[in-house]
Amino acid sequence: MQFVRALSIAVFSAAALALASGCSVARKQESVGNYIDGSAVTAQVKAKLAEDKRTSALNINVKTIDGGVVQLSGFAKSQQEKNVATEIARSVKGVSSVHNDLIIRP
């Protein structure tokens, strides 16, 4: 049940972000396609983190910025979880690099 809730939150967050893209696109000078692609990448990374039992998607924040750069922030329970989160993010199509800023907090 927790997995379904986490996945639902990720999907709805991405949808809300995509709908609110009008103002952000103008300020950042990104094309609408690039902005929506970034939202899709973020949603895919969050979904994969939620699917993997080695990571806690609820404690990991994902943000995709220009050029497919994914930034992970929040908390991991171990170095292994932090490493797995990086691997998962890198496995998503459209990700060019991953900045893992997760803090290990057992």
PDB file of N, CA and C in Angstrom:
ATOM      1  N   MET A   1       0.816  -1.187   0.000  1.00  0.00           N
ATOM      2  CA  MET A   1       0.000   0.000   0.000  1.00  0.00           C
ATOM      3  C   MET A   1       0.868   1.261   0.000  1.00  0.00           C
ATOM      4  N   GLN A   2       1.976   1.222   0.757  1.00  0.00           N
ATOM      5  CA  GLN A   2       2.867   2.374   0.818  1.00  0.00           C
ATOM      6  C   GLN A   2       3.503   2.635  -0.552  1.00  0.00           C
ATOM      7  N   PHE A   3       3.821   1.555  -1.283  1.00  0.00           N
ATOM      8  CA  PHE A   3       4.402   1.695  -2.611  1.00  0.00           C
ATOM      9  C   PHE A   3       3.428   2.403  -3.545  1.00  0.00           C
ATOM     10  N   VAL A   4       2.164   1.999  -3.514  1.00  0.00           N
ATOM     11  CA  VAL A   4       1.145   2.600  -4.379  1.00  0.00           C
ATOM     12  C   VAL A   4       0.997   4.078  -4.045  1.00  0.00           C
ATOM     13  N   ARG A   5       1.012   4.398  -2.768  1.00  0.00           N
ATOM     14  CA  ARG A   5       0.885   5.801  -2.358  1.00  0.00           C
ATOM     15  C   ARG A   5       2.083   6.615  -2.830  1.00  0.00           C
ATOM     16  N   ALA A   6       3.291   6.075  -2.666  1.00  0.00           N
ATOM     17  CA  ALA A   6       4.496   6.793  -3.096  1.00  0.00           C
ATOM     18  C   ALA A   6       4.496   7.001  -4.603  1.00  0.00           C
ATOM     19  N   LEU A   7       4.094   5.976  -5.332  1.00  0.00           N
ATOM     20  CA  LEU A   7       4.046   6.073  -6.794  1.00  0.00           C
ATOM     21  C   LEU A   7       3.002   7.096  -7.214  1.00  0.00           C
ATOM     22  N   SER A   8       1.856   7.085  -6.555  1.00  0.00           N
ATOM     23  CA  SER A   8       0.803   8.052  -6.869  1.00  0.00           C
ATOM     24  C   SER A   8       1.269   9.482  -6.616  1.00  0.00           C
ATOM     25  N   ILE A   9       1.960   9.681  -5.515  1.00  0.00           N
ATOM     26  CA  ILE A   9       2.478  11.014  -5.189  1.00  0.00           C
ATOM     27  C   ILE A   9       3.459  11.471  -6.263  1.00  0.00           C
ATOM     28  N   ALA A  10       4.341  10.570  -6.692  1.00  0.00           N
ATOM     29  CA  ALA A  10       5.322  10.924  -7.720  1.00  0.00           C
ATOM     30  C   ALA A  10       4.640  11.293  -9.029  1.00  0.00           C
ATOM     31  N   VAL A  11       3.658  10.519  -9.437  1.00  0.00           N
ATOM     32  CA  VAL A  11       2.956  10.771 -10.702  1.00  0.00           C
ATOM     33  C   VAL A  11       2.177  12.073 -10.631  1.00  0.00           C
ATOM     34  N   PHE A  12       1.429  12.280  -9.551  1.00  0.00           N
ATOM     35  CA  PHE A  12       0.652  13.508  -9.430  1.00  0.00           C
ATOM     36  C   PHE A  12       1.545  14.739  -9.310  1.00  0.00           C
ATOM     37  N   SER A  13       2.672  14.614  -8.639  1.00  0.00           N
ATOM     38  CA  SER A  13       3.617  15.727  -8.532  1.00  0.00           C
ATOM     39  C   SER A  13       4.167  16.111  -9.891  1.00  0.00           C
ATOM     40  N   ALA A  14       4.527  15.110 -10.667  1.00  0.00           N
ATOM     41  CA  ALA A  14       5.052  15.376 -12.008  1.00  0.00           C
ATOM     42  C   ALA A  14       3.992  16.018 -12.888  1.00  0.00           C
ATOM     43  N   ALA A  15       2.754  15.545 -12.780  1.00  0.00           N
ATOM     44  CA  ALA A  15       1.672  16.122 -13.582  1.00  0.00           C
ATOM     45  C   ALA A  15       1.428  17.575 -13.199  1.00  0.00           C
ATOM     46  N   ALA A  16       1.419  17.861 -11.907  1.00  0.00           N
ATOM     47  CA  ALA A  16       1.216  19.232 -11.448  1.00  0.00           C
ATOM     48  C   ALA A  16       2.359  20.136 -11.910  1.00  0.00           C
ATOM     49  N   LEU A  17       3.569  19.609 -11.857  1.00  0.00           N
ATOM     50  CA  LEU A  17       4.734  20.374 -12.305  1.00  0.00           C
ATOM     51  C   LEU A  17       4.642  20.668 -13.797  1.00  0.00           C
ATOM     52  N   ALA A  18       4.198  19.691 -14.580  1.00  0.00           N
ATOM     53  CA  ALA A  18       4.064  19.885 -16.023  1.00  0.00           C
ATOM     54  C   ALA A  18       2.987  20.921 -16.339  1.00  0.00           C
ATOM     55  N   LEU A  19       1.882  20.902 -15.584  1.00  0.00           N
ATOM     56  CA  LEU A  19       0.811  21.862 -15.822  1.00  0.00           C
ATOM     57  C   LEU A  19       1.218  23.278 -15.442  1.00  0.00           C
ATOM     58  N   ALA A  20       2.083  23.405 -14.472  1.00  0.00           N
ATOM     59  CA  ALA A  20       2.518  24.722 -14.017  1.00  0.00           C
ATOM     60  C   ALA A  20       3.735  25.223 -14.781  1.00  0.00           C
ATOM     61  N   SER A  21       4.080  24.576 -15.855  1.00  0.00           N
ATOM     62  CA  SER A  21       5.318  24.898 -16.556  1.00  0.00           C
ATOM     63  C   SER A  21       5.277  26.201 -17.339  1.00  0.00           C
ATOM     64  N   GLY A  22       4.121  26.757 -17.595  1.00  0.00           N
ATOM     65  CA  GLY A  22       4.023  27.959 -18.403  1.00  0.00           C
ATOM     66  C   GLY A  22       4.889  29.099 -17.900  1.00  0.00           C
ATOM     67  N   CYS A  23       4.793  29.443 -16.631  1.00  0.00           N
ATOM     68  CA  CYS A  23       5.568  30.547 -16.069  1.00  0.00           C
ATOM     69  C   CYS A  23       7.047  30.200 -15.987  1.00  0.00           C
ATOM     70  N   SER A  24       7.347  29.008 -15.578  1.00  0.00           N
ATOM     71  CA  SER A  24       8.741  28.606 -15.408  1.00  0.00           C
ATOM     72  C   SER A  24       9.485  28.578 -16.731  1.00  0.00           C
ATOM     73  N   VAL A  25       8.817  28.157 -17.785  1.00  0.00           N
ATOM     74  CA  VAL A  25       9.477  28.068 -19.079  1.00  0.00           C
ATOM     75  C   VAL A  25       9.922  29.442 -19.529  1.00  0.00           C
ATOM     76  N   ALA A  26       9.083  30.446 -19.318  1.00  0.00           N
ATOM     77  CA  ALA A  26       9.424  31.797 -19.759  1.00  0.00           C
ATOM     78  C   ALA A  26      10.633  32.339 -18.987  1.00  0.00           C
ATOM     79  N   ARG A  27      10.697  32.082 -17.697  1.00  0.00           N
ATOM     80  CA  ARG A  27      11.801  32.612 -16.893  1.00  0.00           C
ATOM     81  C   ARG A  27      13.117  31.920 -17.200  1.00  0.00           C
ATOM     82  N   LYS A  28      13.086  30.613 -17.394  1.00  0.00           N
ATOM     83  CA  LYS A  28      14.315  29.862 -17.584  1.00  0.00           C
ATOM     84  C   LYS A  28      14.765  29.820 -19.048  1.00  0.00           C
ATOM     85  N   GLN A  29      13.920  30.281 -19.943  1.00  0.00           N
ATOM     86  CA  GLN A  29      14.225  30.267 -21.371  1.00  0.00           C
ATOM     87  C   GLN A  29      14.425  28.850 -21.903  1.00  0.00           C
ATOM     88  N   GLU A  30      13.750  27.882 -21.301  1.00  0.00           N
ATOM     89  CA  GLU A  30      13.764  26.515 -21.802  1.00  0.00           C
ATOM     90  C   GLU A  30      12.600  26.372 -22.759  1.00  0.00           C
ATOM     91  N   SER A  31      12.711  25.426 -23.672  1.00  0.00           N
ATOM     92  CA  SER A  31      11.561  25.140 -24.505  1.00  0.00           C
ATOM     93  C   SER A  31      10.575  24.332 -23.675  1.00  0.00           C
ATOM     94  N   VAL A  32       9.311  24.383 -24.054  1.00  0.00           N
ATOM     95  CA  VAL A  32       8.289  23.633 -23.339  1.00  0.00           C
ATOM     96  C   VAL A  32       8.620  22.148 -23.377  1.00  0.00           C
ATOM     97  N   GLY A  33       9.099  21.663 -24.514  1.00  0.00           N
ATOM     98  CA  GLY A  33       9.460  20.250 -24.649  1.00  0.00           C
ATOM     99  C   GLY A  33      10.542  19.838 -23.671  1.00  0.00           C
ATOM    100  N   ASN A  34      11.574  20.669 -23.515  1.00  0.00           N
ATOM    101  CA  ASN A  34      12.650  20.359 -22.573  1.00  0.00           C
ATOM    102  C   ASN A  34      12.149  20.350 -21.144  1.00  0.00           C
ATOM    103  N   TYR A  35      11.271  21.295 -20.812  1.00  0.00           N
ATOM    104  CA  TYR A  35      10.764  21.374 -19.447  1.00  0.00           C
ATOM    105  C   TYR A  35       9.913  20.154 -19.123  1.00  0.00           C
ATOM    106  N   ILE A  36       9.041  19.774 -20.045  1.00  0.00           N
ATOM    107  CA  ILE A  36       8.192  18.603 -19.826  1.00  0.00           C
ATOM    108  C   ILE A  36       9.037  17.340 -19.792  1.00  0.00           C
ATOM    109  N   ASP A  37      10.073  17.251 -20.638  1.00  0.00           N
ATOM    110  CA  ASP A  37      10.964  16.094 -20.592  1.00  0.00           C
ATOM    111  C   ASP A  37      11.613  15.974 -19.221  1.00  0.00           C
ATOM    112  N   GLY A  38      12.023  17.105 -18.643  1.00  0.00           N
ATOM    113  CA  GLY A  38      12.614  17.095 -17.311  1.00  0.00           C
ATOM    114  C   GLY A  38      11.629  16.589 -16.269  1.00  0.00           C
ATOM    115  N   SER A  39      10.375  16.984 -16.384  1.00  0.00           N
ATOM    116  CA  SER A  39       9.348  16.513 -15.463  1.00  0.00           C
ATOM    117  C   SER A  39       9.131  15.015 -15.621  1.00  0.00           C
ATOM    118  N   ALA A  40       9.169  14.544 -16.857  1.00  0.00           N
ATOM    119  CA  ALA A  40       8.997  13.114 -17.110  1.00  0.00           C
ATOM    120  C   ALA A  40      10.167  12.316 -16.535  1.00  0.00           C
ATOM    121  N   VAL A  41      11.373  12.846 -16.687  1.00  0.00           N
ATOM    122  CA  VAL A  41      12.558  12.177 -16.132  1.00  0.00           C
ATOM    123  C   VAL A  41      12.431  12.108 -14.610  1.00  0.00           C
ATOM    124  N   THR A  42      12.040  13.213 -13.988  1.00  0.00           N
ATOM    125  CA  THR A  42      11.864  13.239 -12.537  1.00  0.00           C
ATOM    126  C   THR A  42      10.851  12.182 -12.100  1.00  0.00           C
ATOM    127  N   ALA A  43       9.721  12.111 -12.787  1.00  0.00           N
ATOM    128  CA  ALA A  43       8.684  11.134 -12.435  1.00  0.00           C
ATOM    129  C   ALA A  43       9.186   9.702 -12.602  1.00  0.00           C
ATOM    130  N   GLN A  44       9.962   9.450 -13.668  1.00  0.00           N
ATOM    131  CA  GLN A  44      10.483   8.101 -13.898  1.00  0.00           C
ATOM    132  C   GLN A  44      11.489   7.707 -12.816  1.00  0.00           C
ATOM    133  N   VAL A  45      12.350   8.642 -12.433  1.00  0.00           N
ATOM    134  CA  VAL A  45      13.328   8.350 -11.379  1.00  0.00           C
ATOM    135  C   VAL A  45      12.593   8.062 -10.076  1.00  0.00           C
ATOM    136  N   LYS A  46      11.605   8.901  -9.711  1.00  0.00           N
ATOM    137  CA  LYS A  46      10.850   8.684  -8.476  1.00  0.00           C
ATOM    138  C   LYS A  46      10.140   7.334  -8.498  1.00  0.00           C
ATOM    139  N   ALA A  47       9.563   6.978  -9.639  1.00  0.00           N
ATOM    140  CA  ALA A  47       8.858   5.699  -9.742  1.00  0.00           C
ATOM    141  C   ALA A  47       9.816   4.525  -9.549  1.00  0.00           C
ATOM    142  N   LYS A  48      10.996   4.609 -10.161  1.00  0.00           N
ATOM    143  CA  LYS A  48      11.976   3.534 -10.012  1.00  0.00           C
ATOM    144  C   LYS A  48      12.503   3.444  -8.581  1.00  0.00           C
ATOM    145  N   LEU A  49      12.671   4.589  -7.928  1.00  0.00           N
ATOM    146  CA  LEU A  49      13.092   4.577  -6.524  1.00  0.00           C
ATOM    147  C   LEU A  49      12.016   3.926  -5.650  1.00  0.00           C
ATOM    148  N   ALA A  50      10.736   4.192  -5.972  1.00  0.00           N
ATOM    149  CA  ALA A  50       9.630   3.608  -5.210  1.00  0.00           C
ATOM    150  C   ALA A  50       9.533   2.099  -5.431  1.00  0.00           C
ATOM    151  N   GLU A  51       9.866   1.650  -6.630  1.00  0.00           N
ATOM    152  CA  GLU A  51       9.801   0.222  -6.954  1.00  0.00           C
ATOM    153  C   GLU A  51      10.905  -0.581  -6.285  1.00  0.00           C
ATOM    154  N   ASP A  52      12.048   0.034  -6.091  1.00  0.00           N
ATOM    155  CA  ASP A  52      13.209  -0.684  -5.566  1.00  0.00           C
ATOM    156  C   ASP A  52      13.152  -0.752  -4.044  1.00  0.00           C
ATOM    157  N   LYS A  53      13.172  -1.960  -3.511  1.00  0.00           N
ATOM    158  CA  LYS A  53      13.064  -2.156  -2.057  1.00  0.00           C
ATOM    159  C   LYS A  53      14.305  -1.681  -1.306  1.00  0.00           C
ATOM    160  N   ARG A  54      15.387  -1.408  -2.018  1.00  0.00           N
ATOM    161  CA  ARG A  54      16.619  -0.961  -1.366  1.00  0.00           C
ATOM    162  C   ARG A  54      16.626   0.536  -1.087  1.00  0.00           C
ATOM    163  N   THR A  55      15.637   1.257  -1.617  1.00  0.00           N
ATOM    164  CA  THR A  55      15.595   2.708  -1.431  1.00  0.00           C
ATOM    165  C   THR A  55      14.252   3.141  -0.852  1.00  0.00           C
ATOM    166  N   SER A  56      14.269   4.256  -0.142  1.00  0.00           N
ATOM    167  CA  SER A  56      13.053   4.835   0.412  1.00  0.00           C
ATOM    168  C   SER A  56      12.721   6.092  -0.386  1.00  0.00           C
ATOM    169  N   ALA A  57      11.817   5.948  -1.336  1.00  0.00           N
ATOM    170  CA  ALA A  57      11.474   7.064  -2.219  1.00  0.00           C
ATOM    171  C   ALA A  57      10.889   8.250  -1.448  1.00  0.00           C
ATOM    172  N   LEU A  58      10.279   7.984  -0.325  1.00  0.00           N
ATOM    173  CA  LEU A  58       9.679   9.072   0.450  1.00  0.00           C
ATOM    174  C   LEU A  58      10.726   9.989   1.070  1.00  0.00           C
ATOM    175  N   ASN A  59      11.948   9.493   1.256  1.00  0.00           N
ATOM    176  CA  ASN A  59      13.018  10.290   1.868  1.00  0.00           C
ATOM    177  C   ASN A  59      13.963  10.903   0.843  1.00  0.00           C
ATOM    178  N   ILE A  60      13.748  10.604  -0.448  1.00  0.00           N
ATOM    179  CA  ILE A  60      14.647  11.080  -1.498  1.00  0.00           C
ATOM    180  C   ILE A  60      13.895  12.041  -2.412  1.00  0.00           C
ATOM    181  N   ASN A  61      14.410  13.246  -2.522  1.00  0.00           N
ATOM    182  CA  ASN A  61      13.850  14.251  -3.427  1.00  0.00           C
ATOM    183  C   ASN A  61      14.602  14.194  -4.749  1.00  0.00           C
ATOM    184  N   VAL A  62      13.868  14.351  -5.840  1.00  0.00           N
ATOM    185  CA  VAL A  62      14.456  14.289  -7.171  1.00  0.00           C
ATOM    186  C   VAL A  62      14.098  15.565  -7.915  1.00  0.00           C
ATOM    187  N   LYS A  63      15.098  16.153  -8.557  1.00  0.00           N
ATOM    188  CA  LYS A  63      14.874  17.338  -9.387  1.00  0.00           C
ATOM    189  C   LYS A  63      15.697  17.180 -10.653  1.00  0.00           C
ATOM    190  N   THR A  64      15.085  17.420 -11.795  1.00  0.00           N
ATOM    191  CA  THR A  64      15.799  17.357 -13.068  1.00  0.00           C
ATOM    192  C   THR A  64      15.947  18.771 -13.592  1.00  0.00           C
ATOM    193  N   ILE A  65      17.191  19.143 -13.903  1.00  0.00           N
ATOM    194  CA  ILE A  65      17.463  20.475 -14.426  1.00  0.00           C
ATOM    195  C   ILE A  65      17.973  20.354 -15.858  1.00  0.00           C
ATOM    196  N   ASP A  66      18.350  21.468 -16.445  1.00  0.00           N
ATOM    197  CA  ASP A  66      18.758  21.527 -17.847  1.00  0.00           C
ATOM    198  C   ASP A  66      19.672  20.390 -18.262  1.00  0.00           C
ATOM    199  N   GLY A  67      19.408  19.856 -19.433  1.00  0.00           N
ATOM    200  CA  GLY A  67      20.297  18.861 -20.021  1.00  0.00           C
ATOM    201  C   GLY A  67      20.220  17.485 -19.392  1.00  0.00           C
ATOM    202  N   GLY A  68      19.160  17.192 -18.661  1.00  0.00           N
ATOM    203  CA  GLY A  68      19.017  15.867 -18.068  1.00  0.00           C
ATOM    204  C   GLY A  68      19.853  15.633 -16.831  1.00  0.00           C
ATOM    205  N   VAL A  69      20.246  16.700 -16.157  1.00  0.00           N
ATOM    206  CA  VAL A  69      21.008  16.569 -14.916  1.00  0.00           C
ATOM    207  C   VAL A  69      20.017  16.342 -13.778  1.00  0.00           C
ATOM    208  N   VAL A  70      20.170  15.223 -13.086  1.00  0.00           N
ATOM    209  CA  VAL A  70      19.279  14.876 -11.981  1.00  0.00           C
ATOM    210  C   VAL A  70      19.988  15.156 -10.665  1.00  0.00           C
ATOM    211  N   GLN A  71      19.284  15.849  -9.770  1.00  0.00           N
ATOM    212  CA  GLN A  71      19.826  16.123  -8.446  1.00  0.00           C
ATOM    213  C   GLN A  71      19.003  15.346  -7.423  1.00  0.00           C
ATOM    214  N   LEU A  72      19.698  14.543  -6.623  1.00  0.00           N
ATOM    215  CA  LEU A  72      19.076  13.793  -5.537  1.00  0.00           C
ATOM    216  C   LEU A  72      19.408  14.489  -4.228  1.00  0.00           C
ATOM    217  N   SER A  73      18.394  14.705  -3.395  1.00  0.00           N
ATOM    218  CA  SER A  73      18.617  15.299  -2.083  1.00  0.00           C
ATOM    219  C   SER A  73      17.703  14.612  -1.077  1.00  0.00           C
ATOM    220  N   GLY A  74      17.967  14.865   0.170  1.00  0.00           N
ATOM    221  CA  GLY A  74      17.190  14.220   1.215  1.00  0.00           C
ATOM    222  C   GLY A  74      18.087  13.314   2.034  1.00  0.00           C
ATOM    223  N   PHE A  75      17.526  12.186   2.476  1.00  0.00           N
ATOM    224  CA  PHE A  75      18.255  11.313   3.390  1.00  0.00           C
ATOM    225  C   PHE A  75      18.272   9.867   2.925  1.00  0.00           C
ATOM    226  N   ALA A  76      19.415   9.224   3.152  1.00  0.00           N
ATOM    227  CA  ALA A  76      19.587   7.789   2.904  1.00  0.00           C
ATOM    228  C   ALA A  76      19.968   7.143   4.223  1.00  0.00           C
ATOM    229  N   LYS A  77      19.595   5.868   4.375  1.00  0.00           N
ATOM    230  CA  LYS A  77      19.902   5.158   5.620  1.00  0.00           C
ATOM    231  C   LYS A  77      21.315   4.600   5.634  1.00  0.00           C
ATOM    232  N   SER A  78      21.937   4.509   4.442  1.00  0.00           N
ATOM    233  CA  SER A  78      23.285   3.937   4.362  1.00  0.00           C
ATOM    234  C   SER A  78      23.969   4.404   3.087  1.00  0.00           C
ATOM    235  N   GLN A  79      25.275   4.158   3.028  1.00  0.00           N
ATOM    236  CA  GLN A  79      26.024   4.469   1.811  1.00  0.00           C
ATOM    237  C   GLN A  79      25.509   3.609   0.661  1.00  0.00           C
ATOM    238  N   GLN A  80      25.107   2.378   0.964  1.00  0.00           N
ATOM    239  CA  GLN A  80      24.578   1.485  -0.076  1.00  0.00           C
ATOM    240  C   GLN A  80      23.306   2.073  -0.682  1.00  0.00           C
ATOM    241  N   GLU A  81      22.397   2.569   0.146  1.00  0.00           N
ATOM    242  CA  GLU A  81      21.171   3.171  -0.384  1.00  0.00           C
ATOM    243  C   GLU A  81      21.502   4.392  -1.248  1.00  0.00           C
ATOM    244  N   LYS A  82      22.461   5.182  -0.812  1.00  0.00           N
ATOM    245  CA  LYS A  82      22.879   6.361  -1.575  1.00  0.00           C
ATOM    246  C   LYS A  82      23.428   5.942  -2.940  1.00  0.00           C
ATOM    247  N   ASN A  83      24.260   4.903  -2.957  1.00  0.00           N
ATOM    248  CA  ASN A  83      24.831   4.409  -4.212  1.00  0.00           C
ATOM    249  C   ASN A  83      23.758   3.840  -5.130  1.00  0.00           C
ATOM    250  N   VAL A  84      22.823   3.088  -4.567  1.00  0.00           N
ATOM    251  CA  VAL A  84      21.744   2.492  -5.359  1.00  0.00           C
ATOM    252  C   VAL A  84      20.887   3.590  -5.982  1.00  0.00           C
ATOM    253  N   ALA A  85      20.602   4.632  -5.221  1.00  0.00           N
ATOM    254  CA  ALA A  85      19.803   5.745  -5.745  1.00  0.00           C
ATOM    255  C   ALA A  85      20.480   6.379  -6.961  1.00  0.00           C
ATOM    256  N   THR A  86      21.796   6.511  -6.897  1.00  0.00           N
ATOM    257  CA  THR A  86      22.542   7.049  -8.047  1.00  0.00           C
ATOM    258  C   THR A  86      22.419   6.116  -9.244  1.00  0.00           C
ATOM    259  N   GLU A  87      22.596   4.827  -9.021  1.00  0.00           N
ATOM    260  CA  GLU A  87      22.489   3.844 -10.104  1.00  0.00           C
ATOM    261  C   GLU A  87      21.102   3.881 -10.741  1.00  0.00           C
ATOM    262  N   ILE A  88      20.077   3.949  -9.910  1.00  0.00           N
ATOM    263  CA  ILE A  88      18.700   3.983 -10.419  1.00  0.00           C
ATOM    264  C   ILE A  88      18.491   5.226 -11.267  1.00  0.00           C
ATOM    265  N   ALA A  89      18.919   6.381 -10.781  1.00  0.00           N
ATOM    266  CA  ALA A  89      18.745   7.626 -11.533  1.00  0.00           C
ATOM    267  C   ALA A  89      19.474   7.562 -12.868  1.00  0.00           C
ATOM    268  N   ARG A  90      20.695   7.031 -12.865  1.00  0.00           N
ATOM    269  CA  ARG A  90      21.468   6.929 -14.108  1.00  0.00           C
ATOM    270  C   ARG A  90      20.819   6.000 -15.118  1.00  0.00           C
ATOM    271  N   SER A  91      20.014   5.039 -14.651  1.00  0.00           N
ATOM    272  CA  SER A  91      19.410   4.059 -15.550  1.00  0.00           C
ATOM    273  C   SER A  91      18.218   4.612 -16.338  1.00  0.00           C
ATOM    274  N   VAL A  92      17.743   5.786 -15.971  1.00  0.00           N
ATOM    275  CA  VAL A  92      16.577   6.366 -16.632  1.00  0.00           C
ATOM    276  C   VAL A  92      16.994   7.058 -17.927  1.00  0.00           C
ATOM    277  N   LYS A  93      16.262   6.780 -18.976  1.00  0.00           N
ATOM    278  CA  LYS A  93      16.534   7.398 -20.274  1.00  0.00           C
ATOM    279  C   LYS A  93      16.375   8.916 -20.167  1.00  0.00           C
ATOM    280  N   GLY A  94      17.332   9.643 -20.699  1.00  0.00           N
ATOM    281  CA  GLY A  94      17.293  11.099 -20.678  1.00  0.00           C
ATOM    282  C   GLY A  94      18.161  11.717 -19.593  1.00  0.00           C
ATOM    283  N   VAL A  95      18.691  10.887 -18.695  1.00  0.00           N
ATOM    284  CA  VAL A  95      19.554  11.395 -17.624  1.00  0.00           C
ATOM    285  C   VAL A  95      20.984  11.476 -18.148  1.00  0.00           C
ATOM    286  N   SER A  96      21.561  12.670 -18.097  1.00  0.00           N
ATOM    287  CA  SER A  96      22.937  12.846 -18.570  1.00  0.00           C
ATOM    288  C   SER A  96      23.942  12.718 -17.433  1.00  0.00           C
ATOM    289  N   SER A  97      23.560  13.152 -16.232  1.00  0.00           N
ATOM    290  CA  SER A  97      24.426  12.999 -15.066  1.00  0.00           C
ATOM    291  C   SER A  97      23.578  13.085 -13.803  1.00  0.00           C
ATOM    292  N   VAL A  98      24.172  12.633 -12.696  1.00  0.00           N
ATOM    293  CA  VAL A  98      23.466  12.624 -11.416  1.00  0.00           C
ATOM    294  C   VAL A  98      24.333  13.316 -10.371  1.00  0.00           C
ATOM    295  N   HIS A  99      23.738  14.265  -9.672  1.00  0.00           N
ATOM    296  CA  HIS A  99      24.370  14.926  -8.532  1.00  0.00           C
ATOM    297  C   HIS A  99      23.695  14.359  -7.292  1.00  0.00           C
ATOM    298  N   ASN A 100      24.405  13.535  -6.557  1.00  0.00           N
ATOM    299  CA  ASN A 100      23.831  12.890  -5.398  1.00  0.00           C
ATOM    300  C   ASN A 100      24.214  13.662  -4.134  1.00  0.00           C
ATOM    301  N   ASP A 101      23.266  14.426  -3.607  1.00  0.00           N
ATOM    302  CA  ASP A 101      23.479  15.217  -2.405  1.00  0.00           C
ATOM    303  C   ASP A 101      22.762  14.603  -1.192  1.00  0.00           C
ATOM    304  N   LEU A 102      22.496  13.292  -1.272  1.00  0.00           N
ATOM    305  CA  LEU A 102      21.834  12.617  -0.161  1.00  0.00           C
ATOM    306  C   LEU A 102      22.738  12.626   1.073  1.00  0.00           C
ATOM    307  N   ILE A 103      22.124  12.821   2.216  1.00  0.00           N
ATOM    308  CA  ILE A 103      22.838  12.796   3.489  1.00  0.00           C
ATOM    309  C   ILE A 103      22.533  11.460   4.155  1.00  0.00           C
ATOM    310  N   ILE A 104      23.579  10.782   4.608  1.00  0.00           N
ATOM    311  CA  ILE A 104      23.381   9.498   5.260  1.00  0.00           C
ATOM    312  C   ILE A 104      22.989   9.746   6.719  1.00  0.00           C
ATOM    313  N   ARG A 105      21.819   9.212   7.045  1.00  0.00           N
ATOM    314  CA  ARG A 105      21.303   9.350   8.410  1.00  0.00           C
ATOM    315  C   ARG A 105      20.649   8.026   8.796  1.00  0.00           C
ATOM    316  N   PRO A 106      21.359   7.199   9.559  1.00  0.00           N
ATOM    317  CA  PRO A 106      20.834   5.871   9.928  1.00  0.00           C
ATOM    318  C   PRO A 106      19.546   5.927  10.729  1.00  0.00           C
TER     319      PRO A 106
END
